[in-house]
Amino acid sequence: MEKYFSFNGVAARSEYWGVMIIATILAFVVGMVGGLIAGSGATALGVIVLLVAVVGGSWLTIATCVRRCRDAGINVWWTLGARVPYVGWIVAIVIGCLKTDEQSA
């Protein structure tokens, strides 16, 4: 589990897509649960649940994206492009589809 939160090493395409899919599903589920908790009157608890999920999920996806950029042989700063609203999903798909750079592996 430590590997997924680490910025060291590389991540293959399968690992990248697995993390992205699982993070998306978990973000949806935690968002729903946090919304239900906040809607039931426990607003502070709901906000805390959402905050922990956002910070943990962001760290996980950014770390995996950095490792994937290294594996593909592109600059790790492309990870920031994946965080830009409205176009970030295009950058994330491109990063996930790039072949492994044999020189970096």
C-alpha atoms as a PDB file:
ATOM      1  CA  MET A   1       0.000   0.000   0.000  1.00  0.00           C
ATOM      2  CA  GLU A   2       2.933   2.347   0.648  1.00  0.00           C
ATOM      3  CA  LYS A   3       3.861   2.084  -3.007  1.00  0.00           C
ATOM      4  CA  TYR A   4       0.678   3.825  -4.107  1.00  0.00           C
ATOM      5  CA  PHE A   5       1.332   6.920  -1.995  1.00  0.00           C
ATOM      6  CA  SER A   6       5.023   7.147  -2.959  1.00  0.00           C
ATOM      7  CA  PHE A   7       6.468   9.384  -5.664  1.00  0.00           C
ATOM      8  CA  ASN A   8       9.474   7.075  -6.203  1.00  0.00           C
ATOM      9  CA  GLY A   9       9.723   4.569  -9.035  1.00  0.00           C
ATOM     10  CA  VAL A  10       7.490   4.019 -12.048  1.00  0.00           C
ATOM     11  CA  ALA A  11       3.912   2.902 -12.674  1.00  0.00           C
ATOM     12  CA  ALA A  12       2.844   0.733 -15.595  1.00  0.00           C
ATOM     13  CA  ARG A  13      -0.263   1.552 -17.605  1.00  0.00           C
ATOM     14  CA  SER A  14      -2.294  -1.154 -15.868  1.00  0.00           C
ATOM     15  CA  GLU A  15      -1.374   0.164 -12.424  1.00  0.00           C
ATOM     16  CA  TYR A  16      -2.172   3.742 -13.482  1.00  0.00           C
ATOM     17  CA  TRP A  17      -5.602   2.859 -14.854  1.00  0.00           C
ATOM     18  CA  GLY A  18      -6.400   0.639 -11.878  1.00  0.00           C
ATOM     19  CA  VAL A  19      -5.625   3.427  -9.422  1.00  0.00           C
ATOM     20  CA  MET A  20      -7.550   6.009 -11.457  1.00  0.00           C
ATOM     21  CA  ILE A  21     -10.653   3.825 -11.757  1.00  0.00           C
ATOM     22  CA  ILE A  22     -10.637   2.839  -8.088  1.00  0.00           C
ATOM     23  CA  ALA A  23     -10.004   6.455  -6.994  1.00  0.00           C
ATOM     24  CA  THR A  24     -12.920   7.658  -9.131  1.00  0.00           C
ATOM     25  CA  ILE A  25     -15.293   5.056  -7.713  1.00  0.00           C
ATOM     26  CA  LEU A  26     -14.174   5.734  -4.138  1.00  0.00           C
ATOM     27  CA  ALA A  27     -14.506   9.503  -4.649  1.00  0.00           C
ATOM     28  CA  PHE A  28     -18.072   9.002  -5.809  1.00  0.00           C
ATOM     29  CA  VAL A  29     -18.965   6.718  -2.898  1.00  0.00           C
ATOM     30  CA  VAL A  30     -17.273   8.886  -0.256  1.00  0.00           C
ATOM     31  CA  GLY A  31     -18.874  11.985  -1.765  1.00  0.00           C
ATOM     32  CA  MET A  32     -22.283  10.378  -1.457  1.00  0.00           C
ATOM     33  CA  VAL A  33     -21.638   9.235   2.123  1.00  0.00           C
ATOM     34  CA  GLY A  34     -20.209  12.625   3.115  1.00  0.00           C
ATOM     35  CA  GLY A  35     -23.194  14.351   1.547  1.00  0.00           C
ATOM     36  CA  LEU A  36     -25.604  12.103   3.412  1.00  0.00           C
ATOM     37  CA  ILE A  37     -23.788  12.716   6.685  1.00  0.00           C
ATOM     38  CA  ALA A  38     -23.767  16.474   6.108  1.00  0.00           C
ATOM     39  CA  GLY A  39     -27.423  16.415   5.057  1.00  0.00           C
ATOM     40  CA  SER A  40     -28.448  14.585   8.213  1.00  0.00           C
ATOM     41  CA  GLY A  41     -27.356  17.452  10.399  1.00  0.00           C
ATOM     42  CA  ALA A  42     -23.795  16.402  11.232  1.00  0.00           C
ATOM     43  CA  THR A  43     -22.280  19.003   8.906  1.00  0.00           C
ATOM     44  CA  ALA A  44     -18.859  19.118  10.597  1.00  0.00           C
ATOM     45  CA  LEU A  45     -18.471  15.345  10.405  1.00  0.00           C
ATOM     46  CA  GLY A  46     -19.526  15.352   6.745  1.00  0.00           C
ATOM     47  CA  VAL A  47     -17.002  18.052   5.913  1.00  0.00           C
ATOM     48  CA  ILE A  48     -14.231  16.151   7.712  1.00  0.00           C
ATOM     49  CA  VAL A  49     -15.064  12.932   5.828  1.00  0.00           C
ATOM     50  CA  LEU A  50     -15.005  14.795   2.520  1.00  0.00           C
ATOM     51  CA  LEU A  51     -11.766  16.613   3.356  1.00  0.00           C
ATOM     52  CA  VAL A  52      -9.947  13.408   4.296  1.00  0.00           C
ATOM     53  CA  ALA A  53     -11.186  11.737   1.106  1.00  0.00           C
ATOM     54  CA  VAL A  54     -10.131  14.646  -1.113  1.00  0.00           C
ATOM     55  CA  VAL A  55      -6.652  14.921   0.393  1.00  0.00           C
ATOM     56  CA  GLY A  56      -6.033  11.159   0.354  1.00  0.00           C
ATOM     57  CA  GLY A  57      -7.442  10.670  -3.125  1.00  0.00           C
ATOM     58  CA  SER A  58      -5.512  13.617  -4.531  1.00  0.00           C
ATOM     59  CA  TRP A  59      -2.247  12.394  -3.034  1.00  0.00           C
ATOM     60  CA  LEU A  60      -2.858   8.895  -4.415  1.00  0.00           C
ATOM     61  CA  THR A  61      -3.671  10.037  -7.948  1.00  0.00           C
ATOM     62  CA  ILE A  62      -0.895  12.632  -8.127  1.00  0.00           C
ATOM     63  CA  ALA A  63       1.726  10.136  -6.905  1.00  0.00           C
ATOM     64  CA  THR A  64       0.572   7.533  -9.410  1.00  0.00           C
ATOM     65  CA  CYS A  65       0.521  10.080 -12.230  1.00  0.00           C
ATOM     66  CA  VAL A  66       4.091  11.210 -11.408  1.00  0.00           C
ATOM     67  CA  ARG A  67       5.298   7.601 -11.463  1.00  0.00           C
ATOM     68  CA  ARG A  68       3.422   7.009 -14.748  1.00  0.00           C
ATOM     69  CA  CYS A  69       5.080  10.062 -16.321  1.00  0.00           C
ATOM     70  CA  ARG A  70       8.476   8.642 -15.378  1.00  0.00           C
ATOM     71  CA  ASP A  71       7.541   5.283 -16.881  1.00  0.00           C
ATOM     72  CA  ALA A  72       6.436   6.945 -20.130  1.00  0.00           C
ATOM     73  CA  GLY A  73       9.603   9.050 -20.271  1.00  0.00           C
ATOM     74  CA  ILE A  74       7.855  12.435 -20.122  1.00  0.00           C
ATOM     75  CA  ASN A  75       8.385  15.315 -17.724  1.00  0.00           C
ATOM     76  CA  VAL A  76       6.631  14.805 -14.392  1.00  0.00           C
ATOM     77  CA  TRP A  77       5.257  18.356 -14.570  1.00  0.00           C
ATOM     78  CA  TRP A  78       2.630  16.988 -16.983  1.00  0.00           C
ATOM     79  CA  THR A  79       0.945  15.773 -13.815  1.00  0.00           C
ATOM     80  CA  LEU A  80      -0.170  19.353 -13.191  1.00  0.00           C
ATOM     81  CA  GLY A  81      -1.848  19.331 -16.598  1.00  0.00           C
ATOM     82  CA  ALA A  82      -4.017  16.459 -15.431  1.00  0.00           C
ATOM     83  CA  ARG A  83      -5.301  18.665 -12.577  1.00  0.00           C
ATOM     84  CA  VAL A  84      -6.530  21.518 -14.816  1.00  0.00           C
ATOM     85  CA  PRO A  85     -10.332  21.809 -14.895  1.00  0.00           C
ATOM     86  CA  TYR A  86     -12.110  20.807 -18.121  1.00  0.00           C
ATOM     87  CA  VAL A  87      -8.957  19.656 -19.970  1.00  0.00           C
ATOM     88  CA  GLY A  88      -7.262  17.621 -17.253  1.00  0.00           C
ATOM     89  CA  TRP A  89      -9.142  14.457 -18.140  1.00  0.00           C
ATOM     90  CA  ILE A  90      -7.686  14.639 -21.683  1.00  0.00           C
ATOM     91  CA  VAL A  91      -4.148  14.945 -20.311  1.00  0.00           C
ATOM     92  CA  ALA A  92      -4.832  12.080 -17.867  1.00  0.00           C
ATOM     93  CA  ILE A  93      -6.044   9.839 -20.703  1.00  0.00           C
ATOM     94  CA  VAL A  94      -3.011  10.667 -22.848  1.00  0.00           C
ATOM     95  CA  ILE A  95      -0.628   9.951 -19.944  1.00  0.00           C
ATOM     96  CA  GLY A  96      -2.394   6.654 -19.354  1.00  0.00           C
ATOM     97  CA  CYS A  97      -2.164   5.616 -23.004  1.00  0.00           C
ATOM     98  CA  LEU A  98       1.535   6.405 -23.590  1.00  0.00           C
ATOM     99  CA  LYS A  99       3.823   3.440 -24.081  1.00  0.00           C
ATOM    100  CA  THR A 100       6.543   2.635 -21.593  1.00  0.00           C
ATOM    101  CA  ASP A 101       9.813   4.323 -22.484  1.00  0.00           C
ATOM    102  CA  GLU A 102      12.378   1.533 -22.679  1.00  0.00           C
ATOM    103  CA  GLN A 103      15.213   3.896 -21.655  1.00  0.00           C
ATOM    104  CA  SER A 104      13.480   4.928 -18.420  1.00  0.00           C
ATOM    105  CA  ALA A 105      12.487   1.408 -17.399  1.00  0.00           C
END
